[in-house]
Structure formats: structure tokens, C-alpha cells
Amino acid sequence: MAPKQIDDCFLHDKDRLTHKEALNILKTNLSPLYTTDTININEADNRVLAEDIKAPRPIPAHRNAAVDGYAFAYDEYSKNQGTTFPVSERVIAGAPLIETTQENSTTRIFTGAVMPSDLDTVVMQEDVTLKETPDGQTSVTIPPGLKQGANCRQAGEDTAENSIIVEKQTKLTSRHIAAIASAGIDELKVHQKPKVAILSTGNEILSAGDEFHLGKVYDSNRPMLKSLIKSQQAGLTDLGIIKDNPGDIQNALMEAAKTHDVIITSGGASKGEEDHIITSLQKLGKQHMWQLAIKPGRPMSFGQIGDMLFIGLPGNPVAAFICFFLYGIPIINRLSGQEWQSPHKFQVLANFEILNKKPDRREFLRGTLRTENGITSVDKFNQDGSGIIRSLTTADGLIEIDEATTSVNKGDPITFIPFAQNAI
């Protein structure tokens, strides 16, 4: 389960938090789960390391040839004129170390093979001239101009013994797994995946596949959230749709708190008579944050029931998506052992105008990138409603407009948060 929080660690004295204030509270106070798993390296993709991985030996463990060619002692070679050597040995990858070789000779060697102790340089096979002598001996003429140590990998030149290969709190990718495998390590200690439960609330909500009736609406939030949560490698329980019944909602939250680290709800988070999520949260636990100065997503809620963290998303699908992207994903990743992860952002030019934006509110608009003559700009989706799902499917990411900005002109630099680079 989630680590216990100090009772008042999330408290604040504001009725309405800015985006930055909310993030700072979460970033400062959330901790990874205590529990860890020991897994095989073949199961490590997207898991988060719970301890540093150190090299048990130098990587590579021995000097070896970087190419197929001929190894020789540089002090027996003429850099200005080149040298012709007889071939005295042949070494392939996996063969044992040869301590000494015949003086004034060369050794046929292949990529990855251990360098003989008394040789220090390798010439590529395509750069030499071979000749057979009358007695059947092969000689090799090495051209001038080679540098000492050419085409020879030194022991430990990739990683020194006892140095850190991959740091703890790293979310493992194929690149990290390759580095760990190169050290011969097959078991890894990783943070346990957070156990996340999700539910939707509302008498009007139908699951996909249910028979449609006038006045009903299909639930897009749960399938969307399930996909987003799975992409973060969290464990997932779908609690379905709970009707607007205070007892049913309270019971669902109470049962989820016994076995999960996080519960995520969508809908029912406002102050309407039939919005029972917040009332249930306040009866069972604590509400730490509510009413953020953002658009869309103002009725975003964060709280705690025992050790279980509560994230209450708005019911409108675009608002639910944006709030989960901005807050839910960093929360889950932090519980899974990572450092707090802020989304990737970059500056582009606005290809739209906003004449009057409310101050003291951060807005996240859906945008589509375009590049012309090497200059990247962004178009704003023409409808800003938080229920227009099509704005998500056509957008490349989010346009972020901070609290201080009250208007945007074409050509103004503006912050863009891409979906692709943030893996959503």
C-alpha cells in the first residue's frame, strides 16, 4: 500500500489553488510505495528500479579487438613507412587469453577476441596487403599512419568495476536493460506497481455495448483511463459504473481503500445535490485539494482514505483526460518509484488569436502543429468545450497559457505539451 502520509502534510489555506501550487504540494509530499519485487530481467520493461545497479566487473572485462584484422605491438611497427609482419597466431572471440606472442609478428584476430597481453594495436583486415611466402607462411603488410591502440577496446572503457550502470528510480527501457544484461545481471529489485482502481458515477452513464436509451450517455472515461493507466504499468481494477446513490458510492470507496493504493473516479466531483463523491470522501477520509484554477478541470479533487490516495476527475471526458495527464500520471509514476516527472514541453509560435483570457487561470487548449519553411507553429482547435472528444483525437498536444497571460496574438511564442513525446 501507499506509504502513510503525515496528517497535515497536504493542508493549505486557499480555497482555490493554482496549477503550480497544486503540483508543488503533490511533488513535495508524495513518496514511492514501500514494497518491492524481485524480478527477472526479461520482465523488467517499464519497471522502476528500487536500487542502483552496479557493475560487478569492468565492461568489457578484457581488452579486445573492435574489428576483424591483425593485432601487433606498436613499438615493433614503423608509423612512417609501415611494416610487414609474418602471421604467427590466430585468435577468435571466446578463445582464452594468450600471454605472449612471437616477436616481430602479427596475430590474426576477430571482433571481440581477447587481445594478447603483449599486443596493443589492431589494423582492419581491409587495410592490409596479404602475401604467401614460398614456405607457406602468410605475411601482412600494414600501411603507415596508424595510431597506437587503434581498433582496440580497453577493459572497462564502457563501465568501470563497481560503478553505477543504471540508477535507482529509473523506469527501465530497452536501453537500460541492455546495459544491465551486459554485466550478466539477471535479477532486479524493482518498486511494486501501484494498484489502481477506477470507477465512474452517474445514473445517466452506460458502458459500451449497453442498449442505448434517450437521456443516457456512454462512458468514455473508464476505457480512456484504463488505457492511460496500463501505459504507466500500474495494476488496474475496473469497479465499473456506480449509480448516484450515496451509500453505494461510499461502500465502493471504502472497499477499494482496503486493497488499492490509488482510486480514480470521474464525475460527481462538483457541489450538486446528486454529486456524492466528495461527500463520501469527506466521510471516509480527507479531502486535500479541490477547485484548481485551471481550464478545463476546475472540479479536480485530491484526497486520502487511510493509506489510499484519491483522485477525483471531472466527468467531462476532455477535462478528465487533461487532469489525469497533468496530475494522475505524475502521481502514479511517483508511487511506482520514479522521481516526480513533469511533462515535456517546448516553445512554438501561435497560429491563432485570443483577445480576452481570464487572468489568474491557467488554460490548456488542444492544438495541432504545423511546420512551414522550417518554422513550427500551432493551431488551436476551434471549439474549447471539455466534452468534445474529437478535439483530443485531432490534436497533437496541449497549448498551455499561464495565469498572467490575458491575450495571445498570432506569432507569439507559446508553450506546447506534445502527446507523442509524453507517451500518451
Protein backbone atom coordinates (compact mmCIF):
# COMPACT_ATOMS: atom_id res chain seq x y z
CA MET A 1 0.00 0.00 0.00
CA ALA A 2 0.95 3.65 -0.25
CA PRO A 3 3.24 5.00 2.47
CA LYS A 4 1.45 6.72 5.34
CA GLN A 5 1.24 10.48 4.95
CA ILE A 6 1.63 12.94 7.80
CA ASP A 7 -1.91 14.02 8.60
CA ASP A 8 -1.47 17.68 7.75
CA CYS A 9 1.17 17.43 5.04
CA PHE A 10 -1.24 18.42 2.26
CA LEU A 11 -3.04 21.19 4.12
CA HIS A 12 -3.17 24.67 2.67
CA ASP A 13 -5.11 27.85 3.39
CA LYS A 14 -6.50 28.54 -0.08
CA ASP A 15 -9.94 27.76 -1.46
CA ARG A 16 -8.56 27.68 -5.00
CA LEU A 17 -5.05 26.55 -5.89
CA THR A 18 -3.07 27.45 -8.98
CA HIS A 19 -1.71 24.69 -11.19
CA LYS A 20 1.82 25.29 -9.91
CA GLU A 21 0.75 25.30 -6.25
CA ALA A 22 -1.10 22.00 -6.67
CA LEU A 23 1.89 20.39 -8.36
CA ASN A 24 4.27 21.62 -5.64
CA ILE A 25 2.08 20.14 -2.90
CA LEU A 26 1.95 16.77 -4.66
CA LYS A 27 5.62 16.77 -5.62
CA THR A 28 6.75 17.64 -2.10
CA ASN A 29 4.58 15.18 -0.18
CA LEU A 30 4.18 12.03 -2.28
CA SER A 31 6.54 9.10 -1.73
CA PRO A 32 7.11 5.79 -3.54
CA LEU A 33 5.42 2.63 -2.31
CA TYR A 34 7.39 0.81 0.37
CA THR A 35 7.13 -2.65 -1.14
CA THR A 36 9.44 -4.05 -3.79
CA ASP A 37 9.53 -7.05 -6.12
CA THR A 38 12.48 -9.12 -7.30
CA ILE A 39 12.03 -9.91 -10.98
CA ASN A 40 13.91 -11.47 -13.87
CA ILE A 41 15.48 -9.07 -16.35
CA ASN A 42 13.15 -10.42 -19.05
CA GLU A 43 10.20 -8.98 -17.10
CA ALA A 44 11.82 -5.61 -16.43
CA ASP A 45 10.42 -3.46 -19.24
CA ASN A 46 8.90 -0.24 -17.80
CA ARG A 47 9.51 -1.30 -14.17
CA VAL A 48 11.21 1.15 -11.81
CA LEU A 49 14.48 0.20 -10.10
CA ALA A 50 14.46 0.20 -6.30
CA GLU A 51 18.27 0.13 -6.01
CA ASP A 52 21.30 1.14 -8.05
CA ILE A 53 22.69 -1.47 -10.45
CA LYS A 54 26.49 -1.63 -10.15
CA ALA A 55 28.96 -3.33 -12.44
CA PRO A 56 30.38 -6.48 -10.77
CA ARG A 57 33.38 -6.32 -13.10
CA PRO A 58 34.78 -3.99 -15.78
CA ILE A 59 32.75 -3.83 -19.00
CA PRO A 60 34.26 -5.04 -21.22
CA ALA A 61 36.09 -7.35 -18.84
CA HIS A 62 39.23 -7.55 -21.02
CA ARG A 63 40.98 -5.75 -23.82
CA ASN A 64 39.51 -6.93 -27.11
CA ALA A 65 39.57 -6.28 -30.82
CA ALA A 66 36.98 -3.83 -32.15
CA VAL A 67 37.30 -5.13 -35.74
CA ASP A 68 38.33 -8.16 -37.72
CA GLY A 69 42.01 -7.62 -38.53
CA TYR A 70 45.56 -8.13 -37.35
CA ALA A 71 46.95 -7.30 -33.89
CA PHE A 72 50.53 -6.19 -33.38
CA ALA A 73 52.86 -4.47 -30.92
CA TYR A 74 53.03 -0.80 -31.80
CA ASP A 75 56.70 -0.44 -30.75
CA GLU A 76 57.61 -3.00 -33.46
CA TYR A 77 55.77 -1.01 -36.16
CA SER A 78 57.01 1.90 -38.32
CA LYS A 79 54.42 4.64 -38.26
CA ASN A 80 56.10 6.47 -41.15
CA GLN A 81 56.81 3.58 -43.52
CA GLY A 82 54.51 0.77 -42.45
CA THR A 83 55.70 -2.74 -41.61
CA THR A 84 55.44 -6.26 -42.98
CA PHE A 85 54.92 -8.96 -40.33
CA PRO A 86 54.54 -12.71 -40.53
CA VAL A 87 51.28 -14.05 -39.06
CA SER A 88 52.10 -16.20 -36.04
CA GLU A 89 48.76 -16.69 -34.18
CA ARG A 90 45.02 -16.79 -34.77
CA VAL A 91 42.57 -15.66 -32.06
CA ILE A 92 38.77 -15.87 -32.27
CA ALA A 93 36.10 -14.46 -29.95
CA GLY A 94 35.70 -16.67 -26.87
CA ALA A 95 39.23 -18.08 -27.00
CA PRO A 96 41.39 -17.83 -23.86
CA LEU A 97 43.98 -15.13 -23.32
CA ILE A 98 47.37 -15.51 -25.00
CA GLU A 99 50.03 -14.01 -22.74
CA THR A 100 52.91 -13.74 -25.22
CA THR A 101 53.29 -13.97 -28.98
CA GLN A 102 56.26 -14.31 -31.31
CA GLU A 103 58.31 -11.10 -31.51
CA ASN A 104 58.04 -9.00 -34.70
CA SER A 105 54.92 -10.80 -35.86
CA THR A 106 51.20 -10.15 -36.07
CA THR A 107 48.19 -12.13 -34.85
CA ARG A 108 45.08 -12.75 -36.92
CA ILE A 109 42.23 -11.57 -34.64
CA PHE A 110 38.46 -11.27 -34.86
CA THR A 111 35.97 -8.79 -33.40
CA GLY A 112 35.51 -9.32 -29.65
CA ALA A 113 38.51 -11.64 -29.28
CA VAL A 114 40.78 -11.11 -26.26
CA MET A 115 43.91 -9.17 -27.19
CA PRO A 116 47.17 -11.00 -26.44
CA SER A 117 48.85 -9.33 -23.48
CA ASP A 118 51.89 -8.13 -25.44
CA LEU A 119 49.93 -6.62 -28.38
CA ASP A 120 48.20 -3.25 -28.27
CA THR A 121 47.01 -2.21 -31.75
CA VAL A 122 44.77 -3.69 -34.47
CA VAL A 123 44.68 -2.90 -38.18
CA MET A 124 41.46 -3.60 -40.10
CA GLN A 125 41.72 -6.56 -42.47
CA GLU A 126 40.65 -4.46 -45.46
CA ASP A 127 43.62 -2.11 -44.96
CA VAL A 128 46.40 -4.69 -45.22
CA THR A 129 48.17 -6.49 -48.06
CA LEU A 130 48.49 -10.26 -47.68
CA LYS A 131 51.22 -12.35 -49.28
CA GLU A 132 52.06 -16.04 -49.17
CA THR A 133 55.78 -16.88 -48.84
CA PRO A 134 57.29 -19.88 -50.68
CA ASP A 135 57.31 -21.90 -47.46
CA GLY A 136 53.56 -21.40 -46.99
CA GLN A 137 53.85 -18.64 -44.39
CA THR A 138 51.44 -15.69 -44.62
CA SER A 139 52.83 -12.19 -44.29
CA VAL A 140 50.85 -8.99 -43.73
CA THR A 141 51.93 -5.51 -44.83
CA ILE A 142 50.44 -2.86 -42.56
CA PRO A 143 50.27 0.65 -44.06
CA PRO A 144 51.84 3.64 -42.31
CA GLY A 145 49.91 6.18 -40.24
CA LEU A 146 48.14 4.04 -37.63
CA LYS A 147 47.81 5.34 -34.08
CA GLN A 148 48.83 3.28 -31.08
CA GLY A 149 45.83 1.47 -29.62
CA ALA A 150 43.79 1.74 -32.81
CA ASN A 151 40.75 -0.59 -33.03
CA CYS A 152 41.39 -1.97 -29.56
CA ARG A 153 38.74 -1.73 -26.81
CA GLN A 154 40.20 -1.28 -23.35
CA ALA A 155 38.94 -3.20 -20.32
CA GLY A 156 36.35 -1.08 -18.51
CA GLU A 157 36.13 1.55 -21.24
CA ASP A 158 32.32 1.18 -21.21
CA THR A 159 31.84 0.82 -17.45
CA ALA A 160 34.36 0.62 -14.61
CA GLU A 161 34.03 -2.05 -11.94
CA ASN A 162 31.63 -1.05 -9.10
CA SER A 163 30.38 1.99 -10.99
CA ILE A 164 26.62 2.53 -11.37
CA ILE A 165 25.19 1.14 -14.59
CA VAL A 166 21.61 2.33 -14.02
CA GLU A 167 20.46 4.48 -11.10
CA LYS A 168 17.57 3.63 -8.80
CA GLN A 169 14.24 5.31 -9.60
CA THR A 170 14.91 4.76 -13.31
CA LYS A 171 12.00 3.50 -15.38
CA LEU A 172 13.62 0.74 -17.40
CA THR A 173 13.60 0.76 -21.18
CA SER A 174 15.32 -1.48 -23.71
CA ARG A 175 18.44 0.73 -23.46
CA HIS A 176 18.73 0.27 -19.71
CA ILE A 177 18.02 -3.45 -19.95
CA ALA A 178 20.84 -3.85 -22.49
CA ALA A 179 23.28 -2.13 -20.14
CA ILE A 180 22.26 -4.32 -17.19
CA ALA A 181 22.41 -7.51 -19.25
CA SER A 182 25.94 -6.62 -20.39
CA ALA A 183 27.01 -7.03 -16.75
CA GLY A 184 25.48 -10.51 -16.55
CA ILE A 185 22.83 -9.44 -14.01
CA ASP A 186 19.53 -11.28 -14.34
CA GLU A 187 17.61 -10.39 -11.16
CA LEU A 188 16.50 -6.86 -10.34
CA LYS A 189 14.84 -5.30 -7.32
CA VAL A 190 12.04 -3.01 -8.51
CA HIS A 191 9.28 -1.00 -6.90
CA GLN A 192 5.94 -2.71 -6.74
CA LYS A 193 3.39 -1.49 -9.26
CA PRO A 194 0.74 0.76 -7.70
CA LYS A 195 -2.67 -0.89 -7.52
CA VAL A 196 -5.15 1.49 -9.10
CA ALA A 197 -8.94 1.18 -9.02
CA ILE A 198 -11.19 3.27 -11.26
CA LEU A 199 -14.92 3.93 -11.28
CA SER A 200 -17.41 6.22 -12.97
CA THR A 201 -20.51 7.63 -11.32
CA GLY A 202 -23.84 8.77 -12.69
CA ASN A 203 -27.35 7.47 -13.34
CA GLU A 204 -27.03 8.55 -16.95
CA ILE A 205 -23.87 6.55 -17.72
CA LEU A 206 -23.84 3.40 -19.90
CA SER A 207 -20.99 1.03 -20.62
CA ALA A 208 -20.05 0.46 -24.26
CA GLY A 209 -22.25 -2.33 -25.58
CA ASP A 210 -25.25 -1.48 -23.38
CA GLU A 211 -28.53 -0.75 -25.10
CA PHE A 212 -28.93 2.98 -25.65
CA HIS A 213 -31.83 4.97 -24.20
CA LEU A 214 -32.65 8.64 -24.64
CA GLY A 215 -31.09 10.69 -21.87
CA LYS A 216 -28.21 8.26 -21.40
CA VAL A 217 -24.57 8.70 -22.42
CA TYR A 218 -21.85 6.13 -23.00
CA ASP A 219 -18.92 6.14 -20.61
CA SER A 220 -15.77 7.12 -22.48
CA ASN A 221 -13.81 7.96 -19.35
CA ARG A 222 -13.25 4.45 -17.99
CA PRO A 223 -11.92 2.96 -21.26
CA MET A 224 -9.73 6.04 -21.71
CA LEU A 225 -8.38 5.88 -18.16
CA LYS A 226 -7.79 2.13 -18.38
CA SER A 227 -5.60 2.70 -21.44
CA LEU A 228 -3.70 5.54 -19.79
CA ILE A 229 -3.14 3.61 -16.55
CA LYS A 230 -1.95 0.50 -18.39
CA SER A 231 0.56 2.65 -20.28
CA GLN A 232 2.06 3.59 -16.90
CA GLN A 233 2.47 -0.10 -15.92
CA ALA A 234 0.17 0.16 -12.90
CA GLY A 235 -2.05 -2.65 -11.70
CA LEU A 236 -5.66 -1.93 -12.64
CA THR A 237 -9.09 -2.80 -11.21
CA ASP A 238 -12.20 -1.59 -13.03
CA LEU A 239 -15.02 -1.08 -10.50
CA GLY A 240 -17.47 -0.14 -13.24
CA ILE A 241 -20.23 2.45 -13.03
CA ILE A 242 -21.77 3.35 -9.66
CA LYS A 243 -25.21 4.95 -9.66
CA ASP A 244 -25.77 8.28 -7.90
CA ASN A 245 -26.51 6.61 -4.59
CA PRO A 246 -24.56 7.90 -1.57
CA GLY A 247 -24.46 4.50 0.14
CA ASP A 248 -23.26 2.65 -2.95
CA ILE A 249 -20.56 5.22 -3.68
CA GLN A 250 -19.34 5.29 -0.08
CA ASN A 251 -19.22 1.50 0.07
CA ALA A 252 -17.30 1.28 -3.22
CA LEU A 253 -14.67 3.77 -1.96
CA MET A 254 -14.40 2.03 1.41
CA GLU A 255 -13.86 -1.42 -0.13
CA ALA A 256 -11.35 -0.11 -2.68
CA ALA A 257 -9.33 1.51 0.10
CA LYS A 258 -8.68 -1.90 1.68
CA THR A 259 -6.77 -3.33 -1.29
CA HIS A 260 -5.59 -0.47 -3.51
CA ASP A 261 -3.03 2.30 -3.46
CA VAL A 262 -5.00 4.76 -5.60
CA ILE A 263 -8.62 5.15 -6.61
CA ILE A 264 -9.57 7.35 -9.54
CA THR A 265 -13.15 8.48 -10.03
CA SER A 266 -14.69 10.55 -12.80
CA GLY A 267 -17.86 12.56 -12.38
CA GLY A 268 -19.75 13.52 -9.25
CA ALA A 269 -16.98 15.78 -8.02
CA SER A 270 -18.89 19.09 -8.01
CA LYS A 271 -21.27 20.50 -5.40
CA GLY A 272 -24.54 19.42 -6.98
CA GLU A 273 -27.21 17.62 -4.99
CA GLU A 274 -26.50 14.38 -6.87
CA ASP A 275 -22.70 14.66 -6.75
CA HIS A 276 -21.83 12.30 -3.91
CA ILE A 277 -18.12 11.59 -4.47
CA ILE A 278 -16.78 14.48 -2.40
CA THR A 279 -19.29 13.90 0.41
CA SER A 280 -18.27 10.25 0.57
CA LEU A 281 -14.58 11.14 0.56
CA GLN A 282 -15.04 13.58 3.43
CA LYS A 283 -16.89 10.95 5.48
CA LEU A 284 -14.31 8.23 4.90
CA GLY A 285 -11.08 10.21 4.79
CA LYS A 286 -9.69 13.63 3.94
CA GLN A 287 -10.01 15.98 1.00
CA HIS A 288 -6.69 17.70 0.45
CA MET A 289 -7.34 19.72 -2.70
CA TRP A 290 -10.38 20.86 -4.61
CA GLN A 291 -11.07 23.70 -7.05
CA LEU A 292 -7.95 24.29 -9.15
CA ALA A 293 -7.53 27.49 -11.15
CA ILE A 294 -7.28 25.66 -14.47
CA LYS A 295 -9.42 25.20 -17.55
CA PRO A 296 -10.64 22.61 -18.21
CA GLY A 297 -10.77 20.70 -14.94
CA ARG A 298 -11.63 23.09 -12.13
CA PRO A 299 -13.56 20.48 -10.05
CA MET A 300 -10.45 18.33 -9.72
CA SER A 301 -10.11 16.73 -6.29
CA PHE A 302 -7.31 15.01 -4.41
CA GLY A 303 -7.62 13.26 -1.07
CA GLN A 304 -6.91 10.22 1.03
CA ILE A 305 -8.83 7.32 2.58
CA GLY A 306 -6.49 5.68 5.07
CA ASP A 307 -3.34 4.96 3.08
CA MET A 308 -5.14 5.01 -0.27
CA LEU A 309 -4.81 8.13 -2.40
CA PHE A 310 -7.94 9.52 -4.04
CA ILE A 311 -8.03 11.34 -7.39
CA GLY A 312 -11.42 12.77 -8.36
CA LEU A 313 -11.53 13.72 -12.03
CA PRO A 314 -14.17 15.84 -13.73
CA GLY A 315 -16.90 13.99 -15.60
CA ASN A 316 -16.39 15.68 -18.96
CA PRO A 317 -14.01 13.44 -20.97
CA VAL A 318 -11.61 16.12 -22.21
CA ALA A 319 -11.30 17.58 -18.72
CA ALA A 320 -10.82 14.09 -17.27
CA PHE A 321 -8.10 13.33 -19.82
CA ILE A 322 -6.22 16.59 -19.27
CA CYS A 323 -6.39 16.37 -15.47
CA PHE A 324 -5.20 12.78 -15.45
CA PHE A 325 -2.37 13.70 -17.82
CA LEU A 326 -1.30 16.69 -15.69
CA TYR A 327 -1.75 15.17 -12.22
CA GLY A 328 -2.70 11.49 -12.35
CA ILE A 329 0.24 10.23 -14.39
CA PRO A 330 2.88 12.01 -12.26
CA ILE A 331 1.18 10.70 -9.09
CA ILE A 332 1.19 7.09 -10.32
CA ASN A 333 4.77 7.36 -11.56
CA ARG A 334 5.89 8.79 -8.21
CA LEU A 335 4.22 5.96 -6.30
CA SER A 336 5.89 3.49 -8.67
CA GLY A 337 9.31 4.75 -7.56
CA GLN A 338 10.22 7.44 -10.05
CA GLU A 339 11.18 10.99 -9.28
CA TRP A 340 8.40 13.45 -9.99
CA GLN A 341 8.04 13.60 -13.77
CA SER A 342 6.93 16.86 -15.40
CA PRO A 343 5.68 16.63 -18.98
CA HIS A 344 7.99 17.52 -21.86
CA LYS A 345 7.31 21.00 -23.24
CA PHE A 346 8.70 23.26 -25.92
CA GLN A 347 8.04 26.67 -27.43
CA VAL A 348 6.23 27.18 -30.75
CA LEU A 349 4.57 30.15 -32.41
CA ALA A 350 0.84 30.73 -32.02
CA ASN A 351 -1.14 30.49 -35.23
CA PHE A 352 -4.27 31.84 -33.57
CA GLU A 353 -5.54 34.75 -31.51
CA ILE A 354 -7.16 35.02 -28.09
CA LEU A 355 -8.41 38.53 -27.40
CA ASN A 356 -9.62 38.16 -23.82
CA LYS A 357 -8.49 35.40 -21.49
CA LYS A 358 -9.42 35.44 -17.82
CA PRO A 359 -6.44 36.28 -15.60
CA ASP A 360 -5.36 34.10 -12.67
CA ARG A 361 -6.32 30.89 -14.50
CA ARG A 362 -4.09 28.50 -16.46
CA GLU A 363 -5.68 27.16 -19.62
CA PHE A 364 -4.87 24.02 -21.59
CA LEU A 365 -6.17 24.13 -25.16
CA ARG A 366 -5.96 21.40 -27.77
CA GLY A 367 -3.52 22.22 -30.57
CA THR A 368 -2.23 20.87 -33.88
CA LEU A 369 1.32 21.53 -35.01
CA ARG A 370 2.32 22.71 -38.46
CA THR A 371 5.80 23.31 -39.89
CA GLU A 372 6.35 25.66 -42.84
CA ASN A 373 9.74 26.87 -44.09
CA GLY A 374 11.39 25.34 -41.05
CA ILE A 375 9.18 27.25 -38.57
CA THR A 376 6.82 25.32 -36.28
CA SER A 377 3.54 26.88 -35.20
CA VAL A 378 0.39 25.59 -33.55
CA ASP A 379 -3.27 25.89 -34.48
CA LYS A 380 -5.90 25.93 -31.74
CA PHE A 381 -8.88 23.61 -32.03
CA ASN A 382 -11.83 25.85 -32.82
CA GLN A 383 -14.07 24.54 -30.01
CA ASP A 384 -12.88 24.63 -26.42
CA GLY A 385 -15.68 22.61 -24.78
CA SER A 386 -14.48 19.95 -22.36
CA GLY A 387 -16.93 17.41 -23.73
CA ILE A 388 -15.72 17.49 -27.34
CA ILE A 389 -13.68 14.28 -27.57
CA ARG A 390 -12.85 14.95 -31.23
CA SER A 391 -10.56 17.75 -30.02
CA LEU A 392 -8.33 15.07 -28.46
CA THR A 393 -8.24 12.78 -31.49
CA THR A 394 -7.22 15.57 -33.88
CA ALA A 395 -4.77 17.34 -31.56
CA ASP A 396 -1.01 16.80 -31.34
CA GLY A 397 -0.91 18.06 -27.78
CA LEU A 398 -1.89 20.83 -25.38
CA ILE A 399 -1.34 24.57 -25.66
CA GLU A 400 -0.51 25.89 -22.19
CA ILE A 401 -1.39 29.50 -21.42
CA ASP A 402 -0.29 30.67 -17.98
CA GLU A 403 -2.20 32.74 -15.44
CA ALA A 404 -0.52 36.04 -16.28
CA THR A 405 -1.39 35.93 -19.98
CA THR A 406 -4.67 37.64 -20.92
CA SER A 407 -4.32 37.67 -24.72
CA VAL A 408 -2.44 35.84 -27.47
CA ASN A 409 -1.54 37.26 -30.88
CA LYS A 410 -0.50 35.35 -33.97
CA GLY A 411 3.25 34.85 -33.93
CA ASP A 412 3.57 34.97 -30.14
CA PRO A 413 5.81 32.27 -28.62
CA ILE A 414 3.70 29.84 -26.65
CA THR A 415 4.22 26.63 -24.63
CA PHE A 416 3.21 23.34 -26.22
CA ILE A 417 2.97 19.94 -24.47
CA PRO A 418 3.11 17.16 -27.10
CA PHE A 419 1.15 13.95 -26.61
CA ALA A 420 3.65 11.79 -28.52
CA GLN A 421 6.77 12.78 -26.56
CA ASN A 422 4.87 12.20 -23.32
CA ALA A 423 3.77 8.72 -24.46
CA ILE A 424 0.03 9.33 -24.43
